N, C-alpha and C. Protein backbone atom coordinates (compact mmCIF):
# COMPACT_ATOMS: atom_id res chain seq x y z
N MET A 1 -57.05 -14.01 26.36
CA MET A 1 -58.08 -14.20 27.34
C MET A 1 -57.75 -13.36 28.57
N SER A 2 -58.65 -12.50 28.98
CA SER A 2 -58.40 -11.69 30.16
C SER A 2 -59.48 -11.96 31.20
N THR A 3 -59.06 -11.97 32.44
CA THR A 3 -59.98 -12.16 33.56
C THR A 3 -59.98 -10.89 34.38
N PHE A 4 -61.13 -10.42 34.77
CA PHE A 4 -61.20 -9.22 35.59
C PHE A 4 -60.57 -9.50 36.94
N SER A 5 -59.65 -8.63 37.36
CA SER A 5 -59.01 -8.84 38.66
C SER A 5 -59.76 -8.13 39.77
N ASP A 6 -60.46 -7.06 39.44
CA ASP A 6 -61.23 -6.37 40.48
C ASP A 6 -62.64 -6.92 40.52
N VAL A 7 -63.24 -6.84 41.67
CA VAL A 7 -64.61 -7.35 41.84
C VAL A 7 -65.53 -6.14 41.92
N SER A 8 -66.23 -5.89 40.84
CA SER A 8 -67.16 -4.76 40.82
C SER A 8 -68.42 -5.20 40.09
N PRO A 9 -69.57 -4.65 40.48
CA PRO A 9 -70.80 -5.03 39.78
C PRO A 9 -70.70 -4.70 38.30
N ALA A 10 -71.13 -5.61 37.47
CA ALA A 10 -71.07 -5.39 36.03
C ALA A 10 -72.15 -4.40 35.63
N ALA A 11 -71.77 -3.42 34.85
CA ALA A 11 -72.71 -2.40 34.43
C ALA A 11 -73.48 -2.81 33.19
N GLU A 12 -72.87 -3.62 32.34
CA GLU A 12 -73.48 -3.89 31.06
C GLU A 12 -74.22 -5.20 30.86
N PRO A 13 -74.12 -6.21 31.73
CA PRO A 13 -74.75 -7.47 31.38
C PRO A 13 -76.25 -7.38 31.15
N ALA A 14 -76.93 -6.55 31.91
CA ALA A 14 -78.38 -6.44 31.75
C ALA A 14 -78.76 -5.89 30.39
N ALA A 15 -77.86 -5.16 29.77
CA ALA A 15 -78.16 -4.56 28.47
C ALA A 15 -78.36 -5.61 27.39
N TYR A 16 -77.54 -6.66 27.38
CA TYR A 16 -77.67 -7.67 26.34
C TYR A 16 -77.93 -9.07 26.88
N LEU A 17 -77.96 -9.22 28.20
CA LEU A 17 -78.24 -10.51 28.82
C LEU A 17 -79.33 -10.31 29.87
N PRO A 18 -80.58 -10.27 29.48
CA PRO A 18 -81.65 -9.92 30.41
C PRO A 18 -81.80 -10.86 31.60
N GLU A 19 -81.32 -12.11 31.51
CA GLU A 19 -81.48 -13.03 32.63
C GLU A 19 -80.44 -12.81 33.73
N ILE A 20 -79.47 -11.93 33.49
CA ILE A 20 -78.45 -11.62 34.49
C ILE A 20 -78.90 -10.42 35.32
N ALA A 21 -78.79 -10.55 36.63
CA ALA A 21 -79.17 -9.47 37.54
C ALA A 21 -78.21 -8.30 37.43
N LYS A 22 -78.69 -7.12 37.79
CA LYS A 22 -77.85 -5.93 37.77
C LYS A 22 -76.66 -6.08 38.70
N GLU A 23 -76.80 -6.88 39.76
CA GLU A 23 -75.74 -7.06 40.74
C GLU A 23 -74.69 -8.07 40.31
N ALA A 24 -74.84 -8.63 39.13
CA ALA A 24 -73.90 -9.66 38.66
C ALA A 24 -72.49 -9.07 38.57
N ILE A 25 -71.52 -9.94 38.82
CA ILE A 25 -70.12 -9.55 38.77
C ILE A 25 -69.50 -10.20 37.54
N ALA A 26 -68.88 -9.40 36.71
CA ALA A 26 -68.18 -9.93 35.54
C ALA A 26 -66.88 -10.58 36.01
N ILE A 27 -66.69 -11.86 35.69
CA ILE A 27 -65.47 -12.55 36.12
C ILE A 27 -64.61 -13.00 34.94
N HIS A 28 -65.11 -12.85 33.72
CA HIS A 28 -64.31 -13.19 32.53
C HIS A 28 -64.86 -12.43 31.34
N SER A 29 -63.95 -12.02 30.47
CA SER A 29 -64.36 -11.38 29.22
C SER A 29 -63.28 -11.62 28.17
N SER A 30 -63.70 -12.10 27.01
CA SER A 30 -62.80 -12.28 25.88
C SER A 30 -63.62 -12.00 24.62
N GLU A 31 -63.01 -12.15 23.46
CA GLU A 31 -63.74 -11.90 22.22
C GLU A 31 -64.95 -12.81 22.09
N THR A 32 -64.82 -14.05 22.50
CA THR A 32 -65.88 -15.04 22.31
C THR A 32 -66.72 -15.26 23.55
N TYR A 33 -66.08 -15.31 24.73
CA TYR A 33 -66.77 -15.69 25.96
C TYR A 33 -66.84 -14.56 26.97
N SER A 34 -67.93 -14.57 27.73
CA SER A 34 -68.05 -13.70 28.90
C SER A 34 -68.68 -14.54 30.00
N ALA A 35 -68.35 -14.19 31.24
CA ALA A 35 -68.89 -14.95 32.37
C ALA A 35 -69.23 -13.99 33.50
N PHE A 36 -70.32 -14.30 34.17
CA PHE A 36 -70.82 -13.48 35.27
C PHE A 36 -71.18 -14.38 36.43
N THR A 37 -71.08 -13.84 37.63
CA THR A 37 -71.48 -14.59 38.81
C THR A 37 -72.36 -13.71 39.68
N GLU A 38 -73.25 -14.34 40.42
CA GLU A 38 -74.16 -13.64 41.33
C GLU A 38 -74.11 -14.28 42.70
N ASP A 39 -74.08 -13.46 43.73
CA ASP A 39 -74.11 -13.94 45.11
C ASP A 39 -75.56 -14.17 45.52
N LEU A 40 -75.92 -15.41 45.78
CA LEU A 40 -77.28 -15.75 46.19
C LEU A 40 -77.38 -16.00 47.69
N ASP A 41 -76.39 -15.54 48.44
CA ASP A 41 -76.25 -15.69 49.89
C ASP A 41 -75.83 -17.10 50.29
N PHE A 42 -76.41 -18.12 49.73
CA PHE A 42 -76.05 -19.49 50.11
C PHE A 42 -75.12 -20.14 49.09
N MET A 43 -74.96 -19.52 47.94
CA MET A 43 -74.04 -20.00 46.90
C MET A 43 -73.83 -18.89 45.89
N TRP A 44 -72.85 -19.10 45.02
CA TRP A 44 -72.60 -18.19 43.90
C TRP A 44 -73.01 -18.90 42.62
N ARG A 45 -73.90 -18.29 41.86
CA ARG A 45 -74.32 -18.85 40.57
C ARG A 45 -73.47 -18.18 39.49
N TRP A 46 -72.87 -19.01 38.63
CA TRP A 46 -72.09 -18.44 37.52
C TRP A 46 -72.66 -18.93 36.20
N ARG A 47 -72.49 -18.08 35.20
CA ARG A 47 -72.98 -18.39 33.85
C ARG A 47 -71.93 -17.96 32.84
N ILE A 48 -71.74 -18.80 31.83
CA ILE A 48 -70.81 -18.50 30.75
C ILE A 48 -71.62 -18.29 29.47
N TYR A 49 -71.27 -17.23 28.74
CA TYR A 49 -71.94 -16.90 27.50
C TYR A 49 -70.95 -16.93 26.35
N ARG A 50 -71.38 -17.48 25.22
CA ARG A 50 -70.60 -17.44 23.98
C ARG A 50 -71.45 -16.67 22.98
N ASP A 51 -70.90 -15.59 22.49
CA ASP A 51 -71.62 -14.73 21.54
C ASP A 51 -73.01 -14.37 22.06
N HIS A 52 -73.08 -13.99 23.32
CA HIS A 52 -74.29 -13.52 23.99
C HIS A 52 -75.36 -14.59 24.19
N LYS A 53 -74.97 -15.87 24.09
CA LYS A 53 -75.90 -16.98 24.35
C LYS A 53 -75.31 -17.82 25.47
N MET A 54 -76.13 -18.17 26.47
CA MET A 54 -75.63 -18.95 27.58
C MET A 54 -75.28 -20.37 27.11
N VAL A 55 -74.06 -20.80 27.46
CA VAL A 55 -73.61 -22.13 27.07
C VAL A 55 -73.34 -23.03 28.28
N GLN A 56 -73.19 -22.45 29.47
CA GLN A 56 -72.93 -23.26 30.66
C GLN A 56 -73.27 -22.44 31.90
N GLU A 57 -73.80 -23.11 32.89
CA GLU A 57 -74.03 -22.46 34.18
C GLU A 57 -73.69 -23.44 35.28
N GLY A 58 -73.43 -22.92 36.45
CA GLY A 58 -73.10 -23.78 37.57
C GLY A 58 -73.15 -22.98 38.86
N CYS A 59 -72.75 -23.61 39.94
CA CYS A 59 -72.74 -22.92 41.22
C CYS A 59 -71.49 -23.30 41.98
N SER A 60 -71.07 -22.40 42.86
CA SER A 60 -69.88 -22.59 43.68
C SER A 60 -70.17 -22.01 45.06
N LEU A 61 -69.33 -22.37 46.02
CA LEU A 61 -69.53 -21.88 47.38
C LEU A 61 -68.93 -20.50 47.62
N THR A 62 -67.92 -20.12 46.82
CA THR A 62 -67.28 -18.82 47.01
C THR A 62 -67.07 -18.15 45.66
N LEU A 63 -66.77 -16.86 45.71
CA LEU A 63 -66.47 -16.11 44.50
C LEU A 63 -65.22 -16.68 43.83
N ASP A 64 -64.19 -16.95 44.62
CA ASP A 64 -62.95 -17.50 44.07
C ASP A 64 -63.20 -18.86 43.42
N ALA A 65 -64.01 -19.69 44.03
CA ALA A 65 -64.34 -20.99 43.45
C ALA A 65 -65.11 -20.82 42.14
N SER A 66 -65.94 -19.78 42.04
CA SER A 66 -66.65 -19.49 40.79
C SER A 66 -65.67 -19.16 39.68
N ARG A 67 -64.69 -18.34 40.00
CA ARG A 67 -63.67 -17.99 39.00
C ARG A 67 -62.91 -19.23 38.53
N ARG A 68 -62.52 -20.09 39.47
CA ARG A 68 -61.79 -21.31 39.10
C ARG A 68 -62.67 -22.23 38.24
N ALA A 69 -63.93 -22.36 38.60
CA ALA A 69 -64.84 -23.22 37.83
C ALA A 69 -65.01 -22.70 36.40
N VAL A 70 -65.19 -21.40 36.28
CA VAL A 70 -65.36 -20.79 34.95
C VAL A 70 -64.10 -21.01 34.12
N GLN A 71 -62.93 -20.79 34.71
CA GLN A 71 -61.68 -21.01 33.97
C GLN A 71 -61.54 -22.46 33.53
N HIS A 72 -61.92 -23.39 34.40
CA HIS A 72 -61.86 -24.81 34.07
C HIS A 72 -62.75 -25.13 32.86
N VAL A 73 -63.97 -24.63 32.87
CA VAL A 73 -64.90 -24.87 31.76
C VAL A 73 -64.39 -24.22 30.48
N LEU A 74 -63.87 -23.01 30.59
CA LEU A 74 -63.36 -22.32 29.40
C LEU A 74 -62.15 -23.06 28.80
N HIS A 75 -61.30 -23.62 29.64
CA HIS A 75 -60.18 -24.41 29.11
C HIS A 75 -60.71 -25.61 28.34
N PHE A 76 -61.75 -26.25 28.85
CA PHE A 76 -62.36 -27.38 28.15
C PHE A 76 -62.94 -26.93 26.82
N PHE A 77 -63.70 -25.82 26.83
CA PHE A 77 -64.29 -25.31 25.58
C PHE A 77 -63.21 -24.99 24.56
N ASN A 78 -62.14 -24.34 24.99
CA ASN A 78 -61.07 -23.98 24.06
C ASN A 78 -60.36 -25.22 23.52
N ALA A 79 -60.14 -26.22 24.36
CA ALA A 79 -59.52 -27.46 23.90
C ALA A 79 -60.42 -28.18 22.91
N SER A 80 -61.72 -28.21 23.20
CA SER A 80 -62.68 -28.85 22.31
C SER A 80 -62.72 -28.15 20.96
N GLN A 81 -62.63 -26.85 20.99
CA GLN A 81 -62.68 -26.06 19.75
C GLN A 81 -61.45 -26.33 18.89
N VAL A 82 -60.29 -26.45 19.52
CA VAL A 82 -59.05 -26.73 18.78
C VAL A 82 -59.13 -28.10 18.12
N HIS A 83 -59.65 -29.09 18.81
CA HIS A 83 -59.71 -30.45 18.28
C HIS A 83 -60.78 -30.62 17.20
N SER A 84 -61.76 -29.73 17.16
CA SER A 84 -62.82 -29.86 16.17
C SER A 84 -62.46 -29.17 14.84
N GLN A 85 -61.38 -28.43 14.83
CA GLN A 85 -61.00 -27.72 13.60
C GLN A 85 -60.19 -28.58 12.67
């Protein structure tokens, strides 16, 4: 699992995720999951995708809080996946 350390606008989300704005920032990418966040001025909206389908969305007050929230949800998803096998 790798998390992007630099904050740069994602170039590719609009190509396969039409509901994500061009200004979205990629904050996570792995074989199964990807996550993007958008600055809405009053909050950051984040979305997690599994195999190009949205599985969770939420909001945070800061970019850093968005990253922590996404990591928290992904840990839950990964734990749930291990227990279901």
